[in-house]
Amino acid sequence: MKIAVGITGSSGAVYAVEFLKQCPRDKFLIVSKWGKALLKDEVNLTEKDLQPYIKRQFSNDDLTAPLASGTNTIDAYVIIPCSTSTLGKIASGIGDTLITRTAQVALKERRKMILCIRETPLSTLSLEQCAKLSSYGVTIMPISPPLYYVPKTVDEYVNGFVDKLLGVLGAKEPRGWRAEELE
């Protein structure tokens, strides 16, 4: 399974890092300018620190990268965290960066796309954009960790969301609430 991963400048770098570490598939990374700042500010990492967890990285400025063409198959595209600016561009059909162009390719090729929105509260406009993209088959996953496991640490909160994301992606079967009662 080939997964394109975009990191934008919305707060939540820790979720992106954990997803890259835990996802057992081939990952192709794109980091926006503000995503780079976010990595540095929130988790004190650079793109180079993510290299062990990915197959290859492409520049967000490179619209000639293989991810910009529908002739190259990816199985899924995950943007984590996804800023509302990126959400708005995707919903409006703007493909001016590799992150947004890859989204346009995923939409036109009907490929799985998951946007992990990290913003609160959401404006009415952002909610409408989420609904619009959802109607096109995009999975909208606001970064909202499950609490029914009663997490005690930040890592447990982060891992709860990443586990759910991996399940939605089909890369792992997540632990379900009271799942032992179904065995």
N, C-alpha and C. Protein backbone atom coordinates (compact mmCIF):
# COMPACT_ATOMS: atom_id res chain seq x y z
N MET A 1 0.85 -1.17 0.00
CA MET A 1 0.00 0.00 0.00
C MET A 1 0.89 1.24 0.00
N LYS A 2 0.65 2.16 -0.94
CA LYS A 2 1.39 3.41 -1.04
C LYS A 2 0.51 4.54 -0.51
N ILE A 3 1.06 5.30 0.44
CA ILE A 3 0.31 6.38 1.06
C ILE A 3 1.07 7.69 0.91
N ALA A 4 0.43 8.68 0.34
CA ALA A 4 0.99 10.03 0.32
C ALA A 4 0.56 10.70 1.62
N VAL A 5 1.48 11.43 2.23
CA VAL A 5 1.20 12.10 3.50
C VAL A 5 1.61 13.56 3.37
N GLY A 6 0.67 14.45 3.67
CA GLY A 6 0.94 15.88 3.69
C GLY A 6 0.92 16.39 5.12
N ILE A 7 1.87 17.25 5.45
CA ILE A 7 1.88 17.92 6.75
C ILE A 7 1.77 19.41 6.48
N THR A 8 0.72 20.04 7.00
CA THR A 8 0.53 21.48 6.82
C THR A 8 0.77 22.20 8.14
N GLY A 9 0.56 23.50 8.15
CA GLY A 9 0.92 24.33 9.28
C GLY A 9 -0.11 24.47 10.38
N SER A 10 -1.08 23.61 10.44
CA SER A 10 -2.05 23.65 11.53
C SER A 10 -1.45 22.92 12.72
N SER A 11 -1.67 23.40 13.91
CA SER A 11 -1.10 22.79 15.10
C SER A 11 -1.45 21.30 15.16
N GLY A 12 -0.50 20.51 15.64
CA GLY A 12 -0.73 19.07 15.76
C GLY A 12 0.37 18.23 15.15
N ALA A 13 1.60 18.74 15.12
CA ALA A 13 2.72 18.01 14.53
C ALA A 13 2.93 16.64 15.17
N VAL A 14 2.66 16.54 16.45
CA VAL A 14 2.87 15.28 17.15
C VAL A 14 2.03 14.16 16.52
N TYR A 15 0.85 14.49 16.02
CA TYR A 15 -0.01 13.48 15.38
C TYR A 15 0.62 12.99 14.07
N ALA A 16 1.19 13.92 13.31
CA ALA A 16 1.84 13.54 12.05
C ALA A 16 3.04 12.64 12.31
N VAL A 17 3.84 13.01 13.29
CA VAL A 17 5.05 12.23 13.60
C VAL A 17 4.66 10.82 14.03
N GLU A 18 3.69 10.71 14.92
CA GLU A 18 3.27 9.38 15.39
C GLU A 18 2.65 8.56 14.26
N PHE A 19 1.88 9.20 13.40
CA PHE A 19 1.31 8.48 12.26
C PHE A 19 2.43 7.93 11.38
N LEU A 20 3.42 8.75 11.07
CA LEU A 20 4.53 8.28 10.24
C LEU A 20 5.27 7.12 10.90
N LYS A 21 5.45 7.19 12.20
CA LYS A 21 6.15 6.11 12.92
C LYS A 21 5.34 4.82 12.93
N GLN A 22 4.03 4.94 13.11
CA GLN A 22 3.21 3.74 13.32
C GLN A 22 2.65 3.12 12.05
N CYS A 23 2.50 3.89 11.01
CA CYS A 23 1.89 3.34 9.78
C CYS A 23 2.87 2.38 9.11
N PRO A 24 2.47 1.12 8.93
CA PRO A 24 3.39 0.12 8.40
C PRO A 24 3.49 0.09 6.87
N ARG A 25 2.99 1.08 6.19
CA ARG A 25 2.97 1.10 4.72
C ARG A 25 4.06 2.02 4.16
N ASP A 26 4.26 1.96 2.83
CA ASP A 26 5.18 2.88 2.16
C ASP A 26 4.57 4.27 2.17
N LYS A 27 5.31 5.22 2.73
CA LYS A 27 4.80 6.58 2.86
C LYS A 27 5.66 7.55 2.04
N PHE A 28 4.98 8.46 1.32
CA PHE A 28 5.63 9.48 0.50
C PHE A 28 5.22 10.82 1.07
N LEU A 29 6.18 11.57 1.58
CA LEU A 29 5.91 12.75 2.40
C LEU A 29 6.04 14.06 1.63
N ILE A 30 5.12 14.98 1.95
CA ILE A 30 5.17 16.36 1.47
C ILE A 30 4.94 17.23 2.71
N VAL A 31 5.82 18.20 2.93
CA VAL A 31 5.68 19.10 4.07
C VAL A 31 5.63 20.53 3.56
N SER A 32 4.60 21.27 3.95
CA SER A 32 4.49 22.67 3.54
C SER A 32 5.51 23.52 4.30
N LYS A 33 5.70 24.74 3.85
CA LYS A 33 6.58 25.70 4.52
C LYS A 33 6.18 25.85 5.99
N TRP A 34 4.89 26.00 6.23
CA TRP A 34 4.42 26.18 7.60
C TRP A 34 4.40 24.86 8.36
N GLY A 35 4.31 23.75 7.65
CA GLY A 35 4.44 22.43 8.28
C GLY A 35 5.85 22.25 8.84
N LYS A 36 6.85 22.74 8.11
CA LYS A 36 8.24 22.68 8.59
C LYS A 36 8.39 23.51 9.87
N ALA A 37 7.79 24.71 9.88
CA ALA A 37 7.85 25.56 11.07
C ALA A 37 7.15 24.88 12.25
N LEU A 38 6.04 24.24 11.97
CA LEU A 38 5.27 23.54 12.98
C LEU A 38 6.08 22.40 13.60
N LEU A 39 6.74 21.61 12.76
CA LEU A 39 7.57 20.51 13.26
C LEU A 39 8.64 21.04 14.21
N LYS A 40 9.27 22.13 13.82
CA LYS A 40 10.33 22.72 14.65
C LYS A 40 9.76 23.28 15.95
N ASP A 41 8.68 24.05 15.85
CA ASP A 41 8.10 24.70 17.03
C ASP A 41 7.47 23.73 18.02
N GLU A 42 6.76 22.73 17.52
CA GLU A 42 5.98 21.87 18.42
C GLU A 42 6.71 20.61 18.89
N VAL A 43 7.55 20.03 18.03
CA VAL A 43 8.21 18.77 18.43
C VAL A 43 9.72 18.80 18.24
N ASN A 44 10.25 19.99 17.92
CA ASN A 44 11.69 20.19 17.76
C ASN A 44 12.32 19.18 16.79
N LEU A 45 11.65 18.97 15.65
CA LEU A 45 12.15 18.06 14.62
C LEU A 45 12.25 18.80 13.29
N THR A 46 13.06 18.26 12.40
CA THR A 46 13.13 18.74 11.03
C THR A 46 12.64 17.62 10.12
N GLU A 47 12.50 17.94 8.85
CA GLU A 47 12.10 16.92 7.87
C GLU A 47 13.09 15.76 7.87
N LYS A 48 14.36 16.07 8.04
CA LYS A 48 15.39 15.01 8.02
C LYS A 48 15.17 13.99 9.14
N ASP A 49 14.61 14.45 10.26
CA ASP A 49 14.33 13.54 11.37
C ASP A 49 13.23 12.54 11.03
N LEU A 50 12.43 12.83 10.01
CA LEU A 50 11.33 11.95 9.61
C LEU A 50 11.75 10.91 8.57
N GLN A 51 12.94 11.06 8.02
CA GLN A 51 13.39 10.18 6.94
C GLN A 51 13.34 8.68 7.27
N PRO A 52 13.65 8.26 8.50
CA PRO A 52 13.59 6.82 8.79
C PRO A 52 12.18 6.21 8.67
N TYR A 53 11.17 7.05 8.65
CA TYR A 53 9.78 6.57 8.68
C TYR A 53 9.08 6.65 7.32
N ILE A 54 9.80 7.12 6.30
CA ILE A 54 9.19 7.31 4.99
C ILE A 54 10.03 6.66 3.91
N LYS A 55 9.41 6.44 2.77
CA LYS A 55 10.12 5.90 1.61
C LYS A 55 10.81 7.02 0.84
N ARG A 56 10.11 8.17 0.70
CA ARG A 56 10.65 9.29 -0.06
C ARG A 56 9.90 10.56 0.31
N GLN A 57 10.60 11.68 0.16
CA GLN A 57 9.96 12.98 0.40
C GLN A 57 10.03 13.80 -0.88
N PHE A 58 8.97 14.60 -1.12
CA PHE A 58 8.92 15.50 -2.27
C PHE A 58 8.69 16.91 -1.77
N SER A 59 9.26 17.87 -2.48
CA SER A 59 9.09 19.28 -2.14
C SER A 59 7.67 19.73 -2.45
N ASN A 60 7.11 20.52 -1.57
CA ASN A 60 5.77 21.06 -1.78
C ASN A 60 5.72 21.99 -2.99
N ASP A 61 6.86 22.50 -3.39
CA ASP A 61 6.94 23.40 -4.55
C ASP A 61 7.07 22.64 -5.88
N ASP A 62 7.27 21.33 -5.83
CA ASP A 62 7.55 20.55 -7.04
C ASP A 62 6.28 19.97 -7.65
N LEU A 63 5.68 20.74 -8.55
CA LEU A 63 4.46 20.25 -9.21
C LEU A 63 4.76 19.28 -10.34
N THR A 64 6.05 18.92 -10.53
CA THR A 64 6.41 17.87 -11.49
C THR A 64 6.67 16.54 -10.78
N ALA A 65 6.49 16.49 -9.47
CA ALA A 65 6.71 15.26 -8.71
C ALA A 65 5.70 14.20 -9.14
N PRO A 66 6.04 12.93 -9.01
CA PRO A 66 5.13 11.85 -9.42
C PRO A 66 3.75 11.90 -8.77
N LEU A 67 3.66 12.44 -7.56
CA LEU A 67 2.36 12.51 -6.88
C LEU A 67 1.40 13.50 -7.55
N ALA A 68 1.93 14.36 -8.42
CA ALA A 68 1.10 15.36 -9.10
C ALA A 68 0.37 14.79 -10.31
N SER A 69 0.60 13.53 -10.62
CA SER A 69 -0.02 12.92 -11.79
C SER A 69 -0.88 11.72 -11.41
N GLY A 70 -2.05 11.66 -11.99
CA GLY A 70 -2.94 10.52 -11.77
C GLY A 70 -2.45 9.24 -12.43
N THR A 71 -1.41 9.34 -13.27
CA THR A 71 -0.87 8.13 -13.90
C THR A 71 -0.06 7.30 -12.91
N ASN A 72 0.29 7.89 -11.77
CA ASN A 72 1.01 7.17 -10.72
C ASN A 72 0.02 6.86 -9.60
N THR A 73 -0.14 5.60 -9.32
CA THR A 73 -1.15 5.16 -8.36
C THR A 73 -0.64 5.25 -6.92
N ILE A 74 -1.43 5.89 -6.09
CA ILE A 74 -1.27 5.79 -4.65
C ILE A 74 -2.58 5.20 -4.13
N ASP A 75 -2.50 4.55 -3.00
CA ASP A 75 -3.69 3.92 -2.45
C ASP A 75 -4.49 4.87 -1.56
N ALA A 76 -3.80 5.83 -0.97
CA ALA A 76 -4.48 6.78 -0.08
C ALA A 76 -3.63 8.02 0.09
N TYR A 77 -4.31 9.09 0.47
CA TYR A 77 -3.66 10.36 0.76
C TYR A 77 -4.17 10.86 2.09
N VAL A 78 -3.25 11.12 3.01
CA VAL A 78 -3.59 11.60 4.34
C VAL A 78 -2.91 12.95 4.55
N ILE A 79 -3.68 13.96 4.93
CA ILE A 79 -3.10 15.24 5.32
C ILE A 79 -3.31 15.36 6.82
N ILE A 80 -2.18 15.40 7.55
CA ILE A 80 -2.21 15.39 9.01
C ILE A 80 -1.09 16.25 9.56
N PRO A 81 -1.34 17.32 10.23
CA PRO A 81 -2.63 17.98 10.36
C PRO A 81 -2.98 18.74 9.09
N CYS A 82 -4.24 18.94 8.88
CA CYS A 82 -4.72 19.67 7.71
C CYS A 82 -5.25 21.03 8.17
N SER A 83 -4.60 22.08 7.70
CA SER A 83 -5.05 23.43 8.05
C SER A 83 -6.36 23.75 7.34
N THR A 84 -7.09 24.70 7.87
CA THR A 84 -8.33 25.10 7.20
C THR A 84 -8.02 25.85 5.91
N SER A 85 -6.85 26.44 5.80
CA SER A 85 -6.44 27.06 4.54
C SER A 85 -6.29 25.99 3.46
N THR A 86 -5.64 24.88 3.80
CA THR A 86 -5.49 23.76 2.86
C THR A 86 -6.84 23.17 2.52
N LEU A 87 -7.68 22.99 3.54
CA LEU A 87 -9.05 22.52 3.33
C LEU A 87 -9.76 23.40 2.31
N GLY A 88 -9.69 24.71 2.49
CA GLY A 88 -10.36 25.65 1.59
C GLY A 88 -9.84 25.56 0.16
N LYS A 89 -8.53 25.44 0.01
CA LYS A 89 -7.96 25.31 -1.34
C LYS A 89 -8.45 24.04 -2.02
N ILE A 90 -8.43 22.93 -1.27
CA ILE A 90 -8.87 21.66 -1.84
C ILE A 90 -10.35 21.74 -2.24
N ALA A 91 -11.18 22.28 -1.35
CA ALA A 91 -12.61 22.38 -1.63
C ALA A 91 -12.90 23.30 -2.81
N SER A 92 -11.99 24.23 -3.07
CA SER A 92 -12.17 25.18 -4.18
C SER A 92 -11.51 24.72 -5.47
N GLY A 93 -10.85 23.57 -5.45
CA GLY A 93 -10.21 23.06 -6.65
C GLY A 93 -8.86 23.69 -6.95
N ILE A 94 -8.23 24.28 -5.96
CA ILE A 94 -6.93 24.92 -6.16
C ILE A 94 -5.83 23.89 -5.91
N GLY A 95 -4.96 23.74 -6.89
CA GLY A 95 -3.84 22.80 -6.80
C GLY A 95 -2.52 23.51 -7.02
N ASP A 96 -2.24 24.55 -6.24
CA ASP A 96 -1.07 25.39 -6.46
C ASP A 96 0.20 24.93 -5.76
N THR A 97 0.10 23.90 -4.94
CA THR A 97 1.26 23.30 -4.28
C THR A 97 1.16 21.79 -4.49
N LEU A 98 2.21 21.07 -4.16
CA LEU A 98 2.12 19.61 -4.32
C LEU A 98 1.10 19.02 -3.35
N ILE A 99 0.97 19.60 -2.17
CA ILE A 99 -0.04 19.10 -1.23
C ILE A 99 -1.44 19.24 -1.82
N THR A 100 -1.77 20.41 -2.35
CA THR A 100 -3.12 20.60 -2.89
C THR A 100 -3.29 19.92 -4.25
N ARG A 101 -2.23 19.84 -5.05
CA ARG A 101 -2.32 19.14 -6.34
C ARG A 101 -2.54 17.63 -6.12
N THR A 102 -1.86 17.07 -5.15
CA THR A 102 -2.05 15.65 -4.84
C THR A 102 -3.49 15.40 -4.39
N ALA A 103 -4.08 16.36 -3.69
CA ALA A 103 -5.49 16.24 -3.30
C ALA A 103 -6.38 16.26 -4.54
N GLN A 104 -6.08 17.13 -5.49
CA GLN A 104 -6.87 17.19 -6.73
C GLN A 104 -6.77 15.86 -7.49
N VAL A 105 -5.59 15.28 -7.50
CA VAL A 105 -5.40 13.98 -8.15
C VAL A 105 -6.21 12.90 -7.43
N ALA A 106 -6.15 12.90 -6.10
CA ALA A 106 -6.91 11.91 -5.34
C ALA A 106 -8.41 12.04 -5.62
N LEU A 107 -8.90 13.28 -5.71
CA LEU A 107 -10.31 13.49 -6.00
C LEU A 107 -10.68 13.01 -7.40
N LYS A 108 -9.90 13.40 -8.40
CA LYS A 108 -10.27 13.04 -9.78
C LYS A 108 -10.12 11.55 -10.05
N GLU A 109 -9.19 10.91 -9.35
CA GLU A 109 -8.97 9.47 -9.54
C GLU A 109 -9.80 8.63 -8.57
N ARG A 110 -10.59 9.30 -7.73
CA ARG A 110 -11.47 8.63 -6.76
C ARG A 110 -10.67 7.74 -5.79
N ARG A 111 -9.56 8.29 -5.32
CA ARG A 111 -8.72 7.56 -4.37
C ARG A 111 -9.06 7.99 -2.95
N LYS A 112 -8.76 7.12 -2.01
CA LYS A 112 -9.05 7.41 -0.61
C LYS A 112 -8.25 8.63 -0.17
N MET A 113 -8.95 9.58 0.44
CA MET A 113 -8.30 10.76 0.99
C MET A 113 -8.88 11.03 2.37
N ILE A 114 -7.98 11.28 3.32
CA ILE A 114 -8.38 11.56 4.70
C ILE A 114 -7.75 12.89 5.11
N LEU A 115 -8.59 13.82 5.51
CA LEU A 115 -8.12 15.11 5.98
C LEU A 115 -8.29 15.17 7.50
N CYS A 116 -7.18 15.27 8.21
CA CYS A 116 -7.21 15.34 9.67
C CYS A 116 -7.17 16.81 10.06
N ILE A 117 -8.35 17.38 10.21
CA ILE A 117 -8.51 18.80 10.48
C ILE A 117 -8.16 19.08 11.94
N ARG A 118 -7.32 20.08 12.15
CA ARG A 118 -6.92 20.45 13.51
C ARG A 118 -7.18 21.94 13.70
N GLU A 119 -8.39 22.25 14.01
CA GLU A 119 -8.79 23.64 14.24
C GLU A 119 -10.06 23.60 15.08
N THR A 120 -10.16 24.52 16.00
CA THR A 120 -11.39 24.62 16.76
C THR A 120 -11.53 26.02 17.32
N PRO A 121 -12.69 26.61 17.29
CA PRO A 121 -13.88 26.10 16.63
C PRO A 121 -13.73 26.21 15.12
N LEU A 122 -14.59 25.51 14.40
CA LEU A 122 -14.60 25.58 12.94
C LEU A 122 -15.62 26.63 12.51
N SER A 123 -15.24 27.45 11.55
CA SER A 123 -16.18 28.44 11.01
C SER A 123 -17.24 27.73 10.19
N THR A 124 -18.33 28.42 9.94
CA THR A 124 -19.38 27.87 9.09
C THR A 124 -18.82 27.55 7.71
N LEU A 125 -17.97 28.41 7.20
CA LEU A 125 -17.36 28.17 5.89
C LEU A 125 -16.55 26.87 5.89
N SER A 126 -15.71 26.66 6.92
CA SER A 126 -14.92 25.42 6.99
C SER A 126 -15.82 24.20 7.12
N LEU A 127 -16.89 24.32 7.89
CA LEU A 127 -17.85 23.20 8.01
C LEU A 127 -18.49 22.89 6.66
N GLU A 128 -18.84 23.94 5.91
CA GLU A 128 -19.40 23.73 4.57
C GLU A 128 -18.37 23.07 3.65
N GLN A 129 -17.12 23.49 3.75
CA GLN A 129 -16.08 22.88 2.92
C GLN A 129 -15.87 21.41 3.30
N CYS A 130 -15.91 21.11 4.59
CA CYS A 130 -15.82 19.71 5.03
C CYS A 130 -16.98 18.90 4.46
N ALA A 131 -18.19 19.43 4.55
CA ALA A 131 -19.36 18.72 4.04
C ALA A 131 -19.26 18.52 2.54
N LYS A 132 -18.81 19.52 1.83
CA LYS A 132 -18.65 19.43 0.37
C LYS A 132 -17.67 18.31 0.01
N LEU A 133 -16.50 18.32 0.65
CA LEU A 133 -15.51 17.28 0.35
C LEU A 133 -15.97 15.90 0.79
N SER A 134 -16.68 15.84 1.91
CA SER A 134 -17.23 14.56 2.36
C SER A 134 -18.20 14.00 1.33
N SER A 135 -19.00 14.87 0.71
CA SER A 135 -19.94 14.41 -0.32
C SER A 135 -19.22 13.87 -1.55
N TYR A 136 -17.94 14.24 -1.72
CA TYR A 136 -17.12 13.73 -2.83
C TYR A 136 -16.38 12.46 -2.45
N GLY A 137 -16.57 12.00 -1.22
CA GLY A 137 -15.92 10.76 -0.79
C GLY A 137 -14.71 10.94 0.10
N VAL A 138 -14.37 12.18 0.42
CA VAL A 138 -13.23 12.44 1.30
C VAL A 138 -13.65 12.16 2.74
N THR A 139 -12.78 11.50 3.49
CA THR A 139 -13.03 11.27 4.90
C THR A 139 -12.49 12.46 5.68
N ILE A 140 -13.34 13.09 6.45
CA ILE A 140 -12.95 14.21 7.28
C ILE A 140 -12.80 13.69 8.71
N MET A 141 -11.59 13.77 9.25
CA MET A 141 -11.31 13.29 10.60
C MET A 141 -10.75 14.42 11.45
N PRO A 142 -11.62 15.17 12.11
CA PRO A 142 -11.08 16.18 13.02
C PRO A 142 -10.19 15.49 14.06
N ILE A 143 -9.07 16.10 14.37
CA ILE A 143 -8.18 15.48 15.36
C ILE A 143 -8.85 15.62 16.72
N SER A 144 -9.47 14.54 17.10
CA SER A 144 -10.24 14.46 18.33
C SER A 144 -10.03 13.07 18.91
N PRO A 145 -9.09 12.95 19.82
CA PRO A 145 -8.76 11.61 20.35
C PRO A 145 -9.92 10.97 21.11
N PRO A 146 -10.06 9.66 20.99
CA PRO A 146 -11.10 8.96 21.75
C PRO A 146 -10.75 8.98 23.24
N LEU A 147 -11.75 9.17 24.06
CA LEU A 147 -11.51 9.25 25.50
C LEU A 147 -12.01 8.03 26.26
N TYR A 148 -12.70 7.10 25.58
CA TYR A 148 -13.28 5.97 26.30
C TYR A 148 -12.25 4.98 26.82
N TYR A 149 -10.96 5.15 26.44
CA TYR A 149 -9.89 4.32 27.02
C TYR A 149 -9.30 4.99 28.26
N VAL A 150 -9.80 6.17 28.61
CA VAL A 150 -9.36 6.96 29.74
C VAL A 150 -7.84 7.17 29.68
N PRO A 151 -7.39 7.89 28.64
CA PRO A 151 -5.96 8.14 28.51
C PRO A 151 -5.44 8.97 29.69
N LYS A 152 -4.21 8.65 30.10
CA LYS A 152 -3.63 9.35 31.24
C LYS A 152 -2.46 10.24 30.84
N THR A 153 -1.97 10.08 29.62
CA THR A 153 -0.83 10.88 29.17
C THR A 153 -1.16 11.47 27.80
N VAL A 154 -0.38 12.47 27.41
CA VAL A 154 -0.54 13.05 26.08
C VAL A 154 -0.27 11.98 25.02
N ASP A 155 0.74 11.15 25.25
CA ASP A 155 1.04 10.08 24.29
C ASP A 155 -0.16 9.15 24.09
N GLU A 156 -0.87 8.86 25.15
CA GLU A 156 -2.05 7.99 25.03
C GLU A 156 -3.15 8.68 24.23
N TYR A 157 -3.31 9.99 24.38
CA TYR A 157 -4.27 10.75 23.58
C TYR A 157 -3.89 10.68 22.11
N VAL A 158 -2.62 10.96 21.83
CA VAL A 158 -2.13 10.96 20.45
C VAL A 158 -2.27 9.58 19.83
N ASN A 159 -1.84 8.56 20.55
CA ASN A 159 -1.91 7.20 20.03
C ASN A 159 -3.35 6.73 19.82
N GLY A 160 -4.27 7.21 20.63
CA GLY A 160 -5.68 6.86 20.44
C GLY A 160 -6.18 7.36 19.09
N PHE A 161 -5.82 8.60 18.74
CA PHE A 161 -6.24 9.13 17.44
C PHE A 161 -5.52 8.43 16.30
N VAL A 162 -4.21 8.23 16.43
CA VAL A 162 -3.44 7.58 15.36
C VAL A 162 -3.96 6.16 15.12
N ASP A 163 -4.29 5.46 16.18
CA ASP A 163 -4.86 4.11 16.05
C ASP A 163 -6.16 4.14 15.25
N LYS A 164 -7.01 5.11 15.55
CA LYS A 164 -8.28 5.26 14.82
C LYS A 164 -8.01 5.59 13.35
N LEU A 165 -7.06 6.49 13.09
CA LEU A 165 -6.70 6.86 11.71
C LEU A 165 -6.18 5.64 10.95
N LEU A 166 -5.32 4.86 11.56
CA LEU A 166 -4.80 3.66 10.89
C LEU A 166 -5.92 2.68 10.57
N GLY A 167 -6.92 2.61 11.43
CA GLY A 167 -8.08 1.76 11.16
C GLY A 167 -8.90 2.26 9.98
N VAL A 168 -9.17 3.56 9.94
CA VAL A 168 -9.93 4.15 8.83
C VAL A 168 -9.17 3.97 7.52
N LEU A 169 -7.86 4.07 7.59
CA LEU A 169 -7.01 3.91 6.41
C LEU A 169 -6.97 2.46 5.93
N GLY A 170 -7.24 1.53 6.84
CA GLY A 170 -7.18 0.11 6.48
C GLY A 170 -5.79 -0.47 6.67
N ALA A 171 -4.94 0.24 7.42
CA ALA A 171 -3.57 -0.21 7.64
C ALA A 171 -3.44 -1.04 8.91
N LYS A 172 -4.47 -1.04 9.73
CA LYS A 172 -4.43 -1.74 11.00
C LYS A 172 -5.85 -1.87 11.51
N GLU A 173 -6.12 -2.94 12.24
CA GLU A 173 -7.43 -3.04 12.88
C GLU A 173 -7.32 -2.39 14.25
N PRO A 174 -8.06 -1.28 14.44
CA PRO A 174 -7.93 -0.58 15.72
C PRO A 174 -8.60 -1.34 16.86
N ARG A 175 -8.14 -1.03 18.04
CA ARG A 175 -8.76 -1.59 19.24
C ARG A 175 -10.12 -0.94 19.40
N GLY A 176 -11.15 -1.72 19.48
CA GLY A 176 -12.50 -1.19 19.61
C GLY A 176 -12.92 -1.05 21.06
N TRP A 177 -13.91 -0.21 21.29
CA TRP A 177 -14.43 -0.01 22.62
C TRP A 177 -15.15 -1.27 23.06
N ARG A 178 -14.75 -1.82 24.18
CA ARG A 178 -15.33 -3.06 24.75
C ARG A 178 -15.30 -4.19 23.73
N ALA A 179 -14.27 -4.21 22.88
CA ALA A 179 -14.17 -5.21 21.80
C ALA A 179 -14.10 -6.64 22.35
N GLU A 180 -13.55 -6.79 23.53
CA GLU A 180 -13.44 -8.14 24.10
C GLU A 180 -14.80 -8.81 24.28
N GLU A 181 -15.86 -8.03 24.36
CA GLU A 181 -17.20 -8.60 24.50
C GLU A 181 -17.73 -9.19 23.19
N LEU A 182 -17.02 -8.93 22.10
CA LEU A 182 -17.43 -9.47 20.80
C LEU A 182 -16.62 -10.71 20.41
N GLU A 183 -15.73 -11.11 21.27
CA GLU A 183 -14.89 -12.30 20.97
C GLU A 183 -15.52 -13.57 21.45
